[in-house]
Protein backbone atom coordinates (compact mmCIF):
# COMPACT_ATOMS: atom_id res chain seq x y z
CA MET A 1 -68.29 -86.30 114.82
CA LEU A 2 -71.14 -88.19 113.22
CA LYS A 3 -72.12 -91.42 114.91
CA LYS A 4 -71.22 -94.51 112.96
CA GLN A 5 -74.43 -94.95 111.27
CA THR A 6 -78.37 -94.52 108.01
CA LYS A 7 -102.74 -94.75 83.61
CA GLY A 8 -103.39 -91.31 82.51
CA LEU A 9 -105.29 -88.62 84.38
CA SER A 10 -105.55 -90.60 87.59
CA PHE A 11 -101.77 -90.96 87.64
CA LEU A 12 -101.30 -87.22 87.23
CA LEU A 13 -103.76 -86.46 90.01
CA ALA A 14 -101.98 -88.81 92.40
CA LEU A 15 -98.60 -87.35 91.50
CA LEU A 16 -99.85 -83.79 91.97
CA LEU A 17 -101.25 -84.73 95.36
CA MET A 18 -97.97 -86.25 96.45
CA MET A 19 -96.03 -83.20 95.21
CA THR A 20 -98.33 -80.98 97.27
CA LEU A 21 -97.68 -83.05 100.37
CA LEU A 22 -93.96 -83.05 99.78
CA SER A 23 -93.74 -79.32 99.25
CA GLY A 24 -95.54 -78.88 102.55
CA CYS A 25 -92.82 -80.50 104.65
CA GLY A 26 -91.88 -77.69 106.98
CA GLY A 27 -89.20 -77.00 109.54
CA SER A 28 -85.55 -76.52 108.81
CA GLN A 29 -85.38 -79.56 106.56
CA PRO A 30 -85.70 -79.24 102.78
CA ALA A 31 -88.75 -80.98 101.39
CA PRO A 32 -87.82 -84.40 99.97
CA ALA A 33 -88.29 -84.56 96.22
CA ALA A 34 -90.88 -86.77 94.59
CA PRO A 35 -89.62 -90.08 93.20
CA GLU A 36 -88.49 -90.18 89.60
CA ALA A 37 -90.96 -92.89 88.70
CA PRO A 38 -93.77 -93.04 91.26
CA ALA A 39 -96.25 -95.86 91.31
CA GLU A 40 -99.45 -95.31 89.41
CA ALA A 41 -102.49 -93.82 91.05
CA ALA A 42 -104.64 -95.97 93.28
CA SER A 43 -106.89 -98.52 91.67
CA PRO A 44 -110.47 -98.89 92.92
CA ALA A 45 -109.26 -101.64 95.26
CA GLU A 46 -106.96 -99.08 96.91
CA THR A 47 -109.45 -96.33 97.68
CA GLU A 48 -109.98 -95.35 101.28
CA SER A 49 -112.72 -97.02 103.25
CA GLU A 50 -116.11 -95.30 103.18
CA GLU A 51 -117.35 -97.45 106.07
CA SER A 52 -116.78 -96.94 109.75
CA ALA A 53 -117.93 -100.44 110.78
CA ASP A 54 -115.29 -102.75 112.20
CA ILE A 55 -114.04 -105.44 109.84
CA THR A 56 -112.23 -108.74 110.26
CA THR A 57 -109.41 -110.31 108.27
CA ASP A 58 -106.63 -112.84 108.79
CA VAL A 59 -103.60 -110.55 108.46
CA VAL A 60 -103.45 -106.75 108.50
CA ILE A 61 -100.28 -104.96 107.39
CA ILE A 62 -99.37 -101.38 108.26
CA GLY A 63 -97.36 -99.85 105.40
CA SER A 64 -97.29 -100.45 101.65
CA GLY A 65 -93.58 -100.21 100.89
CA GLY A 66 -91.51 -103.15 99.74
CA ALA A 67 -91.65 -104.95 103.09
CA GLY A 68 -95.42 -104.59 103.45
CA LEU A 69 -96.15 -105.69 99.89
CA ALA A 70 -93.76 -108.65 100.09
CA ALA A 71 -95.43 -109.71 103.34
CA ALA A 72 -98.88 -109.33 101.79
CA ILE A 73 -98.01 -111.55 98.84
CA GLU A 74 -96.56 -114.30 101.01
CA ALA A 75 -99.49 -114.24 103.45
CA LYS A 76 -101.97 -114.32 100.59
CA ASP A 77 -100.13 -117.20 98.93
CA ALA A 78 -100.43 -119.05 102.25
CA GLY A 79 -104.21 -118.85 101.93
CA LYS A 80 -104.91 -115.88 104.18
CA GLU A 81 -107.08 -112.84 103.64
CA VAL A 82 -104.91 -109.73 103.78
CA ILE A 83 -105.55 -106.01 104.21
CA VAL A 84 -102.78 -103.42 103.77
CA VAL A 85 -103.29 -99.92 105.17
CA GLU A 86 -101.23 -96.98 103.97
CA GLN A 87 -101.44 -93.48 105.47
CA MET A 88 -100.11 -91.76 102.33
CA PRO A 89 -102.13 -91.13 99.13
CA ILE A 90 -99.95 -93.47 97.05
CA ILE A 91 -98.28 -96.74 97.88
CA GLY A 92 -94.57 -97.49 97.97
CA GLY A 93 -93.09 -95.46 100.82
CA ASN A 94 -89.33 -94.98 100.79
CA THR A 95 -88.98 -98.01 98.52
CA LEU A 96 -90.12 -95.74 95.69
CA ARG A 97 -86.97 -93.67 96.22
CA ALA A 98 -84.47 -96.52 96.21
CA THR A 99 -82.18 -96.18 93.23
CA GLY A 100 -78.93 -98.07 93.79
CA GLY A 101 -79.93 -101.71 93.95
CA LEU A 102 -80.64 -104.81 96.04
CA ASN A 103 -77.68 -106.67 97.50
CA ALA A 104 -77.61 -110.44 97.12
CA ALA A 105 -74.89 -113.03 96.62
CA GLY A 106 -75.04 -116.12 94.45
CA THR A 107 -77.83 -115.06 92.09
CA SER A 108 -78.58 -116.01 88.51
CA SER A 109 -77.87 -112.41 87.47
CA GLN A 110 -74.37 -112.60 88.99
CA GLU A 111 -73.77 -115.94 87.33
CA ALA A 112 -74.79 -114.52 83.95
CA ALA A 113 -72.29 -111.69 84.46
CA GLY A 114 -69.49 -114.05 85.52
CA ILE A 115 -69.45 -112.72 89.10
CA GLU A 116 -68.39 -115.17 91.82
CA ASP A 117 -69.92 -114.30 95.16
CA ASP A 118 -71.37 -116.06 98.19
CA ALA A 119 -73.54 -115.42 101.23
CA ASP A 120 -70.62 -115.72 103.64
CA THR A 121 -68.88 -112.76 101.99
CA HIS A 122 -72.12 -110.77 102.02
CA TYR A 123 -72.48 -111.58 105.73
CA ALA A 124 -68.90 -110.51 106.48
CA ASP A 125 -69.26 -107.24 104.56
CA THR A 126 -72.51 -106.43 106.39
CA MET A 127 -71.09 -107.12 109.84
CA LYS A 128 -67.96 -105.11 109.07
CA GLY A 129 -69.98 -102.23 107.63
CA GLY A 130 -72.17 -102.20 110.73
CA TYR A 131 -69.11 -102.11 113.03
CA GLU A 132 -70.10 -105.55 114.41
CA LEU A 133 -73.05 -103.96 116.21
CA ASN A 134 -75.49 -105.95 114.09
CA ASP A 135 -77.48 -108.91 115.40
CA PRO A 136 -75.53 -111.81 113.83
CA ALA A 137 -78.60 -114.05 113.61
CA LEU A 138 -80.53 -111.45 111.60
CA VAL A 139 -77.55 -110.72 109.34
CA ARG A 140 -77.11 -114.44 108.70
CA ILE A 141 -80.70 -114.64 107.48
CA LEU A 142 -80.28 -111.50 105.38
CA ALA A 143 -77.21 -112.88 103.62
CA ASP A 144 -78.53 -116.42 103.20
CA GLU A 145 -81.99 -115.45 101.94
CA ALA A 146 -81.15 -112.44 99.74
CA SER A 147 -80.40 -114.51 96.63
CA GLY A 148 -83.74 -116.28 97.02
CA ALA A 149 -85.42 -112.89 97.34
CA VAL A 150 -83.90 -111.80 94.02
CA GLU A 151 -85.05 -114.98 92.27
CA TRP A 152 -88.54 -114.57 93.79
CA LEU A 153 -88.76 -111.01 92.49
CA ILE A 154 -87.58 -112.11 89.05
CA GLU A 155 -90.32 -114.76 89.04
CA LEU A 156 -92.83 -112.02 89.83
CA GLY A 157 -91.61 -110.09 86.79
CA ALA A 158 -88.80 -107.87 88.08
CA ASP A 159 -85.80 -106.94 85.95
CA LEU A 160 -82.74 -107.33 88.17
CA SER A 161 -80.26 -108.15 85.44
CA ASP A 162 -77.78 -105.30 86.00
CA VAL A 163 -75.32 -105.91 88.85
CA GLY A 164 -73.06 -103.20 90.30
CA ARG A 165 -71.23 -102.36 93.50
CA LEU A 166 -72.18 -99.94 96.26
CA GLY A 167 -70.10 -98.60 99.15
CA GLY A 168 -68.79 -101.07 101.70
CA SER A 169 -69.27 -104.17 99.55
CA SER A 170 -66.32 -106.26 98.44
CA ASN A 171 -68.07 -107.55 95.34
CA ASN A 172 -70.57 -106.57 92.67
CA ARG A 173 -73.87 -107.69 94.19
CA SER A 174 -76.27 -104.74 93.90
CA HIS A 175 -79.09 -105.80 91.57
CA ARG A 176 -81.07 -103.29 89.51
CA PRO A 177 -82.86 -103.03 86.14
CA THR A 178 -81.11 -103.10 82.79
CA GLY A 179 -78.75 -100.18 82.25
CA GLY A 180 -78.61 -99.31 85.93
CA ALA A 181 -82.09 -97.80 86.00
CA PRO A 182 -83.61 -96.87 89.40
CA VAL A 183 -84.75 -100.02 91.16
CA GLY A 184 -87.25 -98.90 93.80
CA ALA A 185 -90.21 -97.70 91.73
CA HIS A 186 -89.79 -100.74 89.49
CA LEU A 187 -90.01 -103.13 92.45
CA VAL A 188 -93.01 -101.32 93.91
CA GLU A 189 -94.87 -101.68 90.63
CA VAL A 190 -94.00 -105.39 90.36
CA LEU A 191 -95.03 -106.07 93.97
CA ARG A 192 -98.16 -103.97 93.72
CA THR A 193 -99.31 -105.75 90.56
CA SER A 194 -98.63 -109.13 92.16
CA ALA A 195 -100.56 -108.17 95.30
CA GLU A 196 -103.51 -106.84 93.31
CA ASP A 197 -103.60 -109.91 91.10
CA ARG A 198 -103.94 -111.99 94.27
CA GLY A 199 -106.80 -109.90 95.60
CA VAL A 200 -104.96 -108.14 98.44
CA ASP A 201 -107.08 -105.27 99.81
CA ILE A 202 -104.88 -102.13 99.79
CA ARG A 203 -106.35 -99.07 101.52
CA ILE A 204 -104.57 -95.76 100.97
CA ASN A 205 -105.21 -92.61 103.02
CA THR A 206 -105.82 -94.97 105.94
CA LYS A 207 -103.72 -94.36 109.03
CA ALA A 208 -103.13 -96.87 111.79
CA VAL A 209 -103.45 -95.10 115.15
CA GLU A 210 -103.28 -97.97 117.63
CA ILE A 211 -102.29 -101.63 117.85
CA LEU A 212 -105.10 -103.44 119.67
CA LYS A 213 -104.53 -106.11 122.29
CA ASP A 214 -106.62 -108.53 124.29
CA GLY A 215 -104.45 -109.39 127.25
CA ASP A 216 -101.05 -110.33 125.86
CA ASN A 217 -102.35 -111.01 122.35
CA VAL A 218 -102.45 -108.53 119.48
CA ILE A 219 -105.88 -108.69 117.84
CA GLY A 220 -105.80 -105.94 115.19
CA ILE A 221 -105.45 -102.21 114.71
CA GLN A 222 -107.48 -99.03 115.04
CA VAL A 223 -107.42 -96.90 111.88
CA GLU A 224 -108.66 -93.57 110.59
CA ASP A 225 -109.38 -92.76 106.96
CA ASN A 226 -109.01 -89.32 105.42
CA SER A 227 -112.68 -88.50 106.06
CA GLY A 228 -112.02 -88.83 109.77
CA ALA A 229 -113.93 -92.09 110.13
CA SER A 230 -112.40 -94.42 112.70
CA TYR A 231 -112.81 -98.18 112.76
CA GLN A 232 -111.08 -101.37 113.80
CA ILE A 233 -109.52 -103.99 111.59
CA LEU A 234 -109.51 -107.15 113.69
CA ALA A 235 -106.99 -109.80 112.64
CA ASP A 236 -105.14 -112.88 113.81
CA ALA A 237 -101.83 -111.14 113.01
CA VAL A 238 -100.55 -107.60 112.56
CA ILE A 239 -97.41 -106.79 110.57
CA VAL A 240 -95.73 -103.40 111.05
CA ALA A 241 -93.87 -102.40 107.87
CA THR A 242 -93.99 -98.60 107.91
CA GLY A 243 -90.33 -97.72 107.44
CA GLY A 244 -88.22 -95.72 109.85
CA PHE A 245 -88.26 -92.22 111.34
CA GLY A 246 -85.90 -90.46 108.94
CA ALA A 247 -88.47 -87.77 108.05
CA ASN A 248 -89.09 -86.87 111.70
CA GLY A 249 -86.48 -84.22 112.44
CA ASP A 250 -87.43 -83.90 116.09
CA MET A 251 -87.27 -87.64 116.62
CA PHE A 252 -83.89 -88.24 115.01
CA ALA A 253 -82.42 -85.18 116.71
CA ASP A 254 -83.63 -86.54 120.06
CA TYR A 255 -81.58 -89.66 119.49
CA ASP A 256 -78.56 -87.86 117.97
CA ALA A 257 -78.28 -84.15 118.73
CA ALA A 258 -75.52 -83.78 116.12
CA LEU A 259 -78.21 -84.22 113.46
CA THR A 260 -80.30 -81.24 114.60
CA GLY A 261 -81.36 -79.24 111.55
CA PHE A 262 -80.26 -81.88 109.05
CA GLY A 263 -82.25 -82.42 105.90
CA SER A 264 -83.71 -85.80 104.98
CA THR A 265 -83.98 -87.98 101.91
CA ASN A 266 -87.11 -89.65 103.30
CA HIS A 267 -90.69 -89.25 102.17
CA PRO A 268 -92.95 -87.53 104.74
CA GLY A 269 -94.64 -90.76 105.81
CA ALA A 270 -91.41 -91.99 107.43
CA ASP A 271 -92.45 -90.34 110.67
CA GLY A 272 -91.72 -93.08 113.22
CA VAL A 273 -95.26 -93.10 114.59
CA ALA A 274 -95.64 -96.87 114.13
CA ILE A 275 -92.50 -97.46 116.20
CA LEU A 276 -94.14 -95.61 119.07
CA MET A 277 -97.38 -97.55 118.54
CA ALA A 278 -95.50 -100.82 118.72
CA GLN A 279 -93.69 -99.66 121.84
CA ALA A 280 -97.04 -98.83 123.44
CA ALA A 281 -98.11 -102.39 122.64
CA GLY A 282 -95.09 -103.73 124.54
CA ALA A 283 -92.42 -103.89 121.85
CA ALA A 284 -88.77 -103.43 122.74
CA LEU A 285 -86.68 -101.02 120.67
CA ILE A 286 -83.05 -101.49 119.67
CA ASP A 287 -80.25 -99.33 118.22
CA MET A 288 -82.41 -96.19 118.04
CA GLU A 289 -79.37 -93.91 118.21
CA GLN A 290 -77.89 -95.48 115.07
CA ILE A 291 -78.88 -93.04 112.34
CA GLN A 292 -77.22 -92.88 108.95
CA THR A 293 -76.64 -89.94 106.67
CA HIS A 294 -76.33 -90.31 102.91
CA PRO A 295 -73.38 -88.32 101.58
CA THR A 296 -74.69 -87.42 98.11
CA VAL A 297 -77.89 -85.42 98.46
CA VAL A 298 -78.69 -82.26 96.49
CA PRO A 299 -78.57 -79.53 99.20
CA GLU A 300 -81.35 -77.36 97.83
CA ASN A 301 -84.09 -79.97 97.72
CA GLY A 302 -83.02 -83.15 99.56
CA TYR A 303 -82.94 -85.26 96.39
CA MET A 304 -80.66 -88.25 96.83
CA ILE A 305 -78.13 -89.05 94.11
CA THR A 306 -77.69 -92.79 93.95
CA GLU A 307 -74.50 -94.34 95.25
CA ALA A 308 -74.33 -96.20 91.95
CA VAL A 309 -72.87 -93.05 90.33
CA ARG A 310 -69.81 -93.47 92.53
CA GLY A 311 -69.95 -97.22 92.17
CA ASN A 312 -69.72 -96.83 88.40
CA GLY A 313 -66.59 -94.70 88.71
CA ALA A 314 -67.41 -91.11 89.69
CA ILE A 315 -65.13 -89.27 92.11
CA LEU A 316 -65.83 -86.64 94.75
CA ILE A 317 -64.00 -83.31 94.61
CA ASN A 318 -64.10 -80.17 96.74
CA ARG A 319 -64.23 -76.51 95.75
CA ASN A 320 -60.51 -76.59 95.00
CA GLY A 321 -61.00 -79.39 92.48
CA GLU A 322 -59.29 -81.97 94.71
CA ARG A 323 -60.39 -85.44 95.80
CA PHE A 324 -60.84 -85.79 99.55
CA THR A 325 -62.02 -89.34 100.33
CA ASN A 326 -62.47 -92.91 99.16
CA GLU A 327 -65.69 -92.43 97.24
CA ILE A 328 -67.02 -95.93 97.89
CA GLY A 329 -66.27 -95.97 101.59
CA THR A 330 -69.12 -96.48 104.03
CA ARG A 331 -71.72 -93.75 104.08
CA ASP A 332 -70.87 -92.46 107.53
CA VAL A 333 -67.19 -92.07 106.63
CA VAL A 334 -67.88 -90.34 103.31
CA SER A 335 -70.46 -88.06 104.97
CA GLU A 336 -67.98 -87.04 107.64
CA ALA A 337 -65.33 -86.29 105.02
CA MET A 338 -67.88 -84.18 103.13
CA LEU A 339 -68.76 -82.13 106.20
CA ALA A 340 -65.08 -81.31 106.66
CA GLN A 341 -64.94 -79.53 103.28
CA GLU A 342 -65.53 -75.85 102.71
CA GLY A 343 -69.28 -75.29 102.62
CA ALA A 344 -69.86 -78.81 104.05
CA THR A 345 -70.58 -80.03 100.52
CA GLY A 346 -68.64 -81.48 97.63
CA PHE A 347 -69.14 -82.33 93.97
CA LEU A 348 -69.73 -85.62 92.22
CA PHE A 349 -67.55 -85.53 89.13
CA PHE A 350 -67.85 -87.93 86.18
CA ASP A 351 -67.47 -88.18 82.43
CA GLU A 352 -69.49 -89.29 79.42
CA GLY A 353 -68.48 -92.92 79.92
CA ILE A 354 -70.08 -93.02 83.37
CA ARG A 355 -73.15 -91.20 82.11
CA GLU A 356 -73.60 -93.87 79.46
CA SER A 357 -73.13 -96.65 82.02
CA LEU A 358 -76.01 -95.60 84.30
CA SER A 359 -79.39 -94.54 82.98
CA ALA A 360 -80.39 -93.02 86.33
CA ILE A 361 -78.09 -90.09 85.51
CA GLU A 362 -80.42 -88.98 82.71
CA GLY A 363 -83.06 -88.17 85.32
CA TYR A 364 -80.61 -85.94 87.21
CA ILE A 365 -79.79 -84.08 84.01
CA ARG A 366 -83.48 -83.58 83.18
CA GLN A 367 -84.10 -82.17 86.65
CA GLY A 368 -81.33 -79.62 86.33
CA PHE A 369 -78.98 -80.99 88.99
CA VAL A 370 -76.02 -81.38 86.66
CA THR A 371 -73.41 -78.90 85.44
CA GLU A 372 -72.10 -79.92 82.02
CA ALA A 373 -68.86 -78.98 80.24
CA GLY A 374 -67.07 -80.04 77.11
CA SER A 375 -63.60 -80.05 78.68
CA LEU A 376 -61.87 -79.92 82.02
CA GLU A 377 -60.86 -76.35 81.38
CA GLU A 378 -64.46 -75.34 80.70
CA MET A 379 -65.64 -77.10 83.86
CA ALA A 380 -62.98 -75.33 85.94
CA GLU A 381 -64.09 -71.98 84.55
CA LEU A 382 -67.77 -72.70 85.24
CA MET A 383 -67.02 -73.71 88.84
CA ASN A 384 -64.35 -71.07 89.53
CA MET A 385 -61.73 -73.77 90.11
CA ASP A 386 -58.06 -73.80 89.19
CA ALA A 387 -57.95 -75.66 85.86
CA ALA A 388 -54.46 -76.99 86.60
CA VAL A 389 -55.62 -78.46 89.93
CA LEU A 390 -58.71 -80.09 88.43
CA THR A 391 -56.68 -81.51 85.55
CA ALA A 392 -54.07 -82.88 87.94
CA THR A 393 -56.79 -84.49 90.06
CA VAL A 394 -58.31 -86.27 87.09
CA GLU A 395 -54.93 -87.35 85.74
CA ALA A 396 -53.92 -88.74 89.13
CA TYR A 397 -57.15 -90.70 89.39
CA ASN A 398 -56.79 -92.06 85.87
CA ALA A 399 -53.27 -93.17 86.71
CA ALA A 400 -54.63 -94.96 89.78
CA VAL A 401 -57.20 -96.72 87.59
CA ALA A 402 -54.47 -97.80 85.19
CA SER A 403 -52.23 -99.13 87.94
CA GLY A 404 -55.06 -100.56 90.04
CA ASN A 405 -53.65 -98.79 93.10
CA ASP A 406 -55.25 -95.70 94.62
CA GLU A 407 -52.38 -94.59 96.83
CA ALA A 408 -54.14 -91.38 97.85
CA PHE A 409 -57.35 -92.81 99.35
CA GLY A 410 -57.26 -96.59 99.04
CA ARG A 411 -60.23 -97.01 96.74
CA ASP A 412 -60.17 -100.63 95.65
CA ASP A 413 -62.87 -100.57 92.96
CA MET A 414 -62.18 -98.19 90.08
CA PRO A 415 -64.15 -99.55 87.12
CA ARG A 416 -63.23 -96.87 84.58
CA SER A 417 -61.08 -93.81 84.07
CA LEU A 418 -62.40 -90.27 83.54
CA GLU A 419 -61.22 -89.44 80.06
CA THR A 420 -64.26 -89.23 77.77
CA ALA A 421 -65.64 -85.72 77.22
CA GLY A 422 -68.07 -84.27 78.20
CA TYR A 423 -67.69 -83.84 81.89
CA TYR A 424 -70.39 -83.55 84.55
CA LEU A 425 -70.66 -82.30 88.11
CA ILE A 426 -73.38 -82.36 90.81
CA GLU A 427 -73.10 -80.50 94.11
CA VAL A 428 -73.95 -82.83 97.00
CA GLY A 429 -73.93 -82.94 100.80
CA PRO A 430 -75.08 -85.25 103.61
CA ALA A 431 -78.67 -85.66 104.82
CA VAL A 432 -80.38 -88.15 107.12
CA HIS A 433 -81.14 -91.21 105.05
CA HIS A 434 -81.71 -94.37 107.08
CA THR A 435 -82.55 -95.17 110.68
CA MET A 436 -80.87 -98.45 111.62
CA GLY A 437 -82.74 -98.73 114.92
CA GLY A 438 -86.32 -99.68 115.51
CA ILE A 439 -88.52 -102.53 116.72
CA HIS A 440 -86.65 -105.54 118.07
CA ILE A 441 -87.54 -108.70 116.12
CA SER A 442 -86.69 -112.37 116.17
CA PRO A 443 -85.31 -114.25 113.13
CA GLU A 444 -88.95 -115.16 112.37
CA ALA A 445 -89.87 -111.44 112.29
CA GLU A 446 -91.78 -111.73 115.56
CA VAL A 447 -91.85 -108.52 117.59
CA LEU A 448 -90.08 -109.02 120.92
CA ASP A 449 -90.93 -107.47 124.26
CA GLU A 450 -88.44 -106.07 126.77
CA ASN A 451 -87.77 -109.59 128.08
CA GLY A 452 -86.99 -110.93 124.62
CA ASN A 453 -90.26 -112.83 124.31
CA PRO A 454 -92.45 -112.69 121.18
CA ILE A 455 -95.63 -110.66 121.44
CA PRO A 456 -98.34 -113.03 120.15
CA GLY A 457 -99.78 -111.87 116.85
CA LEU A 458 -97.33 -109.00 116.21
CA PHE A 459 -94.66 -109.02 113.50
CA ALA A 460 -92.46 -106.40 111.82
CA ALA A 461 -90.14 -106.05 108.84
CA GLY A 462 -88.03 -103.48 107.03
CA GLU A 463 -86.63 -100.19 108.25
CA VAL A 464 -89.13 -100.04 111.10
CA THR A 465 -87.03 -102.77 112.77
CA GLY A 466 -83.56 -102.62 114.29
CA GLY A 467 -80.63 -104.98 114.61
CA VAL A 468 -79.96 -105.91 111.00
CA HIS A 469 -77.62 -103.06 110.06
CA GLY A 470 -75.84 -102.26 113.31
CA GLY A 471 -73.99 -98.95 113.30
CA ASN A 472 -74.09 -98.35 109.55
CA ARG A 473 -76.17 -99.74 106.68
CA LEU A 474 -74.43 -100.73 103.47
CA GLY A 475 -75.92 -99.37 100.27
CA GLY A 476 -78.11 -102.06 98.69
CA ASN A 477 -78.84 -103.82 101.97
CA ALA A 478 -82.08 -101.93 102.69
CA LEU A 479 -83.95 -103.53 99.81
CA ALA A 480 -82.48 -106.90 100.72
CA ASP A 481 -83.65 -106.38 104.31
CA LEU A 482 -87.20 -105.40 103.47
CA ILE A 483 -87.79 -108.14 100.89
CA VAL A 484 -86.16 -110.91 102.94
CA PHE A 485 -87.85 -110.04 106.22
CA GLY A 486 -91.07 -108.90 104.57
CA ARG A 487 -91.45 -112.37 103.10
CA ILE A 488 -90.59 -113.96 106.45
CA ALA A 489 -93.10 -111.76 108.27
CA GLY A 490 -95.83 -112.71 105.79
CA LYS A 491 -95.13 -116.41 106.21
CA SER A 492 -94.85 -116.19 110.00
CA ALA A 493 -98.07 -114.20 110.29
CA ALA A 494 -99.89 -116.72 108.11
CA GLN A 495 -98.92 -119.50 110.48
């Protein structure tokens, strides 16, 4: 049983380089697919260092995903000089792959949509979804500060006007661009532009290899660029924001043997190395065995299908054409139900109305993930299903939508029925998606040692940390986590 868990030519060159790296991911895991809308190629300010001489700055940040960029902006706005190092050839990390949305309660976007929500409900949903294994103090900050994070992003230029619901939430609070477009690449571009406009020094192809200390105090990092040159970046504060270890099959299997051989939705830079570096510098780790699978991943290539498809009304069916779970249940529960089906996969099933409600679906169609049919009978023939069974399944679900009562599986959010031809289907199965465990931090994003004391000069934010999500992360809470605690880490480091 699964544990309860997880500008032209330069642009094309960067994308081709990333695709080459991705296709090279070996082992038994399928190579994660490139993001639908990757950030643009590196600007001159982001090229790797050609110098091997040590340099000094105020704050150095390891990782250029959402947490790292949010931290960089806040530290820079506090008057500090900031360097961000990124081991990959483009910035963004796993944030580039986020599609569903950013959870927050009490935002201007919710108000505009007539949605009543509050931080207490967000807190309760998060604790429940994490099986009460979460650190309550961290969850309280997440829930209380998420709405401010959304407004901050909007001020920076983000479009977070569309609000939907993802699994485990009791309200519509997942913020994304107009039409339900993928949110991650959009946020990376907004944050990157804001960081560049402020003069943040972003160095790609630059890998942190050691956190440096002088006695008890962290004083910087040792890095290597892609030419092999090694140098030190000395700083008053170091922020670790590298993401988790979801791309490291050996590492996640060590913590949960049931996941041996599983695929991953993560980009190859999510290797967990920074967690080990922080541990070597004295950091305590927490919840490392809490690893989440995402239930809707294309088996052949590891491409994640956003939870928003289910949130907007899609159902999951098996090879017999029957529903088998509450589609918007928590990810661990839906993943387990999927593994119990023949072939350990299932099919996302939806109609034209759902396609029109979520622009992210157009990308799945373009990439060839979707089987299309003009009628239920045609779909049954294409998939070698019993047409009578498939028809009965759809009719039963539509009746549940009409009555507002899903007697079969207890789904409590059914925004639309499935009655508008054409019909669409995507085969999906579980893959490792999020690692809830990581570096132990305080509410101020300080890295804690084994005795619970802050390590002077060391901070962390985002998926590289543990404690926020407990035994299972709710969809939409990862982006909330990395923006909220990325901002806190930037402010704390600046102090």
